[in-house]
Amino acid sequence: MIFFIFLAIGVVFYLWWKRTYTTLSRDCRWRQDKPAGDWHCVACGARTVPPPNQSPRHCLRSDRTG
């Protein structure tokens, strides 16, 4: 029984952490464009240059609300 309580607390913590860490949605499809040195979203066409050795963590869609 105590295992399920800790499991539930862990799941809630993970969901909270994931929501505060990123704004990506299911529509975000980032692809790295190595020759250009940036990343582009195939869903909306946004382009960005994140810090070295990291992928984009935020949605850049202009019509996104929230």
C-alpha atoms as a PDB file:
ATOM      1  CA  MET A   1       0.000   0.000   0.000  1.00  0.00           C
ATOM      2  CA  ILE A   2       2.748   2.457   0.874  1.00  0.00           C
ATOM      3  CA  PHE A   3       4.419   1.653  -2.448  1.00  0.00           C
ATOM      4  CA  PHE A   4       1.392   2.938  -4.359  1.00  0.00           C
ATOM      5  CA  ILE A   5       1.355   6.158  -2.349  1.00  0.00           C
ATOM      6  CA  PHE A   6       4.999   6.833  -3.223  1.00  0.00           C
ATOM      7  CA  LEU A   7       4.318   5.850  -6.832  1.00  0.00           C
ATOM      8  CA  ALA A   8       1.412   8.307  -7.051  1.00  0.00           C
ATOM      9  CA  ILE A   9       3.513  11.090  -5.508  1.00  0.00           C
ATOM     10  CA  GLY A  10       6.298  10.318  -7.979  1.00  0.00           C
ATOM     11  CA  VAL A  11       3.957  10.445 -10.960  1.00  0.00           C
ATOM     12  CA  VAL A  12       2.453  13.760  -9.855  1.00  0.00           C
ATOM     13  CA  PHE A  13       5.940  15.216  -9.312  1.00  0.00           C
ATOM     14  CA  TYR A  14       7.082  14.018 -12.751  1.00  0.00           C
ATOM     15  CA  LEU A  15       4.052  15.550 -14.476  1.00  0.00           C
ATOM     16  CA  TRP A  16       4.576  18.864 -12.650  1.00  0.00           C
ATOM     17  CA  TRP A  17       8.287  18.895 -13.524  1.00  0.00           C
ATOM     18  CA  LYS A  18       7.619  18.040 -17.176  1.00  0.00           C
ATOM     19  CA  ARG A  19       5.058  20.854 -17.488  1.00  0.00           C
ATOM     20  CA  THR A  20       7.406  23.488 -16.046  1.00  0.00           C
ATOM     21  CA  TYR A  21      10.433  22.274 -18.024  1.00  0.00           C
ATOM     22  CA  THR A  22       9.084  22.479 -21.577  1.00  0.00           C
ATOM     23  CA  THR A  23       6.301  24.009 -23.679  1.00  0.00           C
ATOM     24  CA  LEU A  24       6.505  21.446 -26.459  1.00  0.00           C
ATOM     25  CA  SER A  25       3.298  19.826 -27.636  1.00  0.00           C
ATOM     26  CA  ARG A  26       2.524  16.838 -29.816  1.00  0.00           C
ATOM     27  CA  ASP A  27       2.607  19.143 -32.827  1.00  0.00           C
ATOM     28  CA  CYS A  28       6.262  20.147 -32.281  1.00  0.00           C
ATOM     29  CA  ARG A  29       8.590  18.163 -34.544  1.00  0.00           C
ATOM     30  CA  TRP A  30      12.095  19.592 -34.296  1.00  0.00           C
ATOM     31  CA  ARG A  31      14.728  18.471 -36.793  1.00  0.00           C
ATOM     32  CA  GLN A  32      18.369  19.497 -36.721  1.00  0.00           C
ATOM     33  CA  ASP A  33      19.660  21.246 -39.839  1.00  0.00           C
ATOM     34  CA  LYS A  34      23.413  20.703 -39.454  1.00  0.00           C
ATOM     35  CA  PRO A  35      24.526  22.599 -42.598  1.00  0.00           C
ATOM     36  CA  ALA A  36      22.585  25.689 -41.472  1.00  0.00           C
ATOM     37  CA  GLY A  37      23.575  25.200 -37.823  1.00  0.00           C
ATOM     38  CA  ASP A  38      20.060  25.464 -36.441  1.00  0.00           C
ATOM     39  CA  TRP A  39      16.879  23.482 -35.751  1.00  0.00           C
ATOM     40  CA  HIS A  40      13.589  23.770 -37.621  1.00  0.00           C
ATOM     41  CA  CYS A  41      10.078  22.611 -36.808  1.00  0.00           C
ATOM     42  CA  VAL A  42       8.518  20.607 -39.623  1.00  0.00           C
ATOM     43  CA  ALA A  43       5.010  21.335 -38.304  1.00  0.00           C
ATOM     44  CA  CYS A  44       5.078  25.144 -38.267  1.00  0.00           C
ATOM     45  CA  GLY A  45       8.389  26.125 -39.893  1.00  0.00           C
ATOM     46  CA  ALA A  46       9.888  27.892 -36.863  1.00  0.00           C
ATOM     47  CA  ARG A  47      13.688  28.073 -36.647  1.00  0.00           C
ATOM     48  CA  THR A  48      15.900  28.390 -33.571  1.00  0.00           C
ATOM     49  CA  VAL A  49      19.479  28.011 -32.366  1.00  0.00           C
ATOM     50  CA  PRO A  50      19.479  26.443 -28.866  1.00  0.00           C
ATOM     51  CA  PRO A  51      22.554  26.247 -26.606  1.00  0.00           C
ATOM     52  CA  PRO A  52      25.275  23.847 -27.819  1.00  0.00           C
ATOM     53  CA  ASN A  53      24.504  20.106 -27.528  1.00  0.00           C
ATOM     54  CA  GLN A  54      20.838  20.710 -26.648  1.00  0.00           C
ATOM     55  CA  SER A  55      17.618  20.301 -28.554  1.00  0.00           C
ATOM     56  CA  PRO A  56      14.794  22.908 -28.470  1.00  0.00           C
ATOM     57  CA  ARG A  57      12.541  22.734 -25.402  1.00  0.00           C
ATOM     58  CA  HIS A  58       9.984  25.430 -26.220  1.00  0.00           C
ATOM     59  CA  CYS A  59       7.282  25.719 -28.838  1.00  0.00           C
ATOM     60  CA  LEU A  60       7.752  28.723 -31.129  1.00  0.00           C
ATOM     61  CA  ARG A  61       4.446  28.460 -32.983  1.00  0.00           C
ATOM     62  CA  SER A  62       3.036  31.977 -33.370  1.00  0.00           C
ATOM     63  CA  ASP A  63      -0.645  31.000 -33.031  1.00  0.00           C
ATOM     64  CA  ARG A  64      -0.100  28.953 -29.867  1.00  0.00           C
ATOM     65  CA  THR A  65      -2.109  30.135 -26.880  1.00  0.00           C
ATOM     66  CA  GLY A  66      -1.117  29.551 -23.290  1.00  0.00           C
END
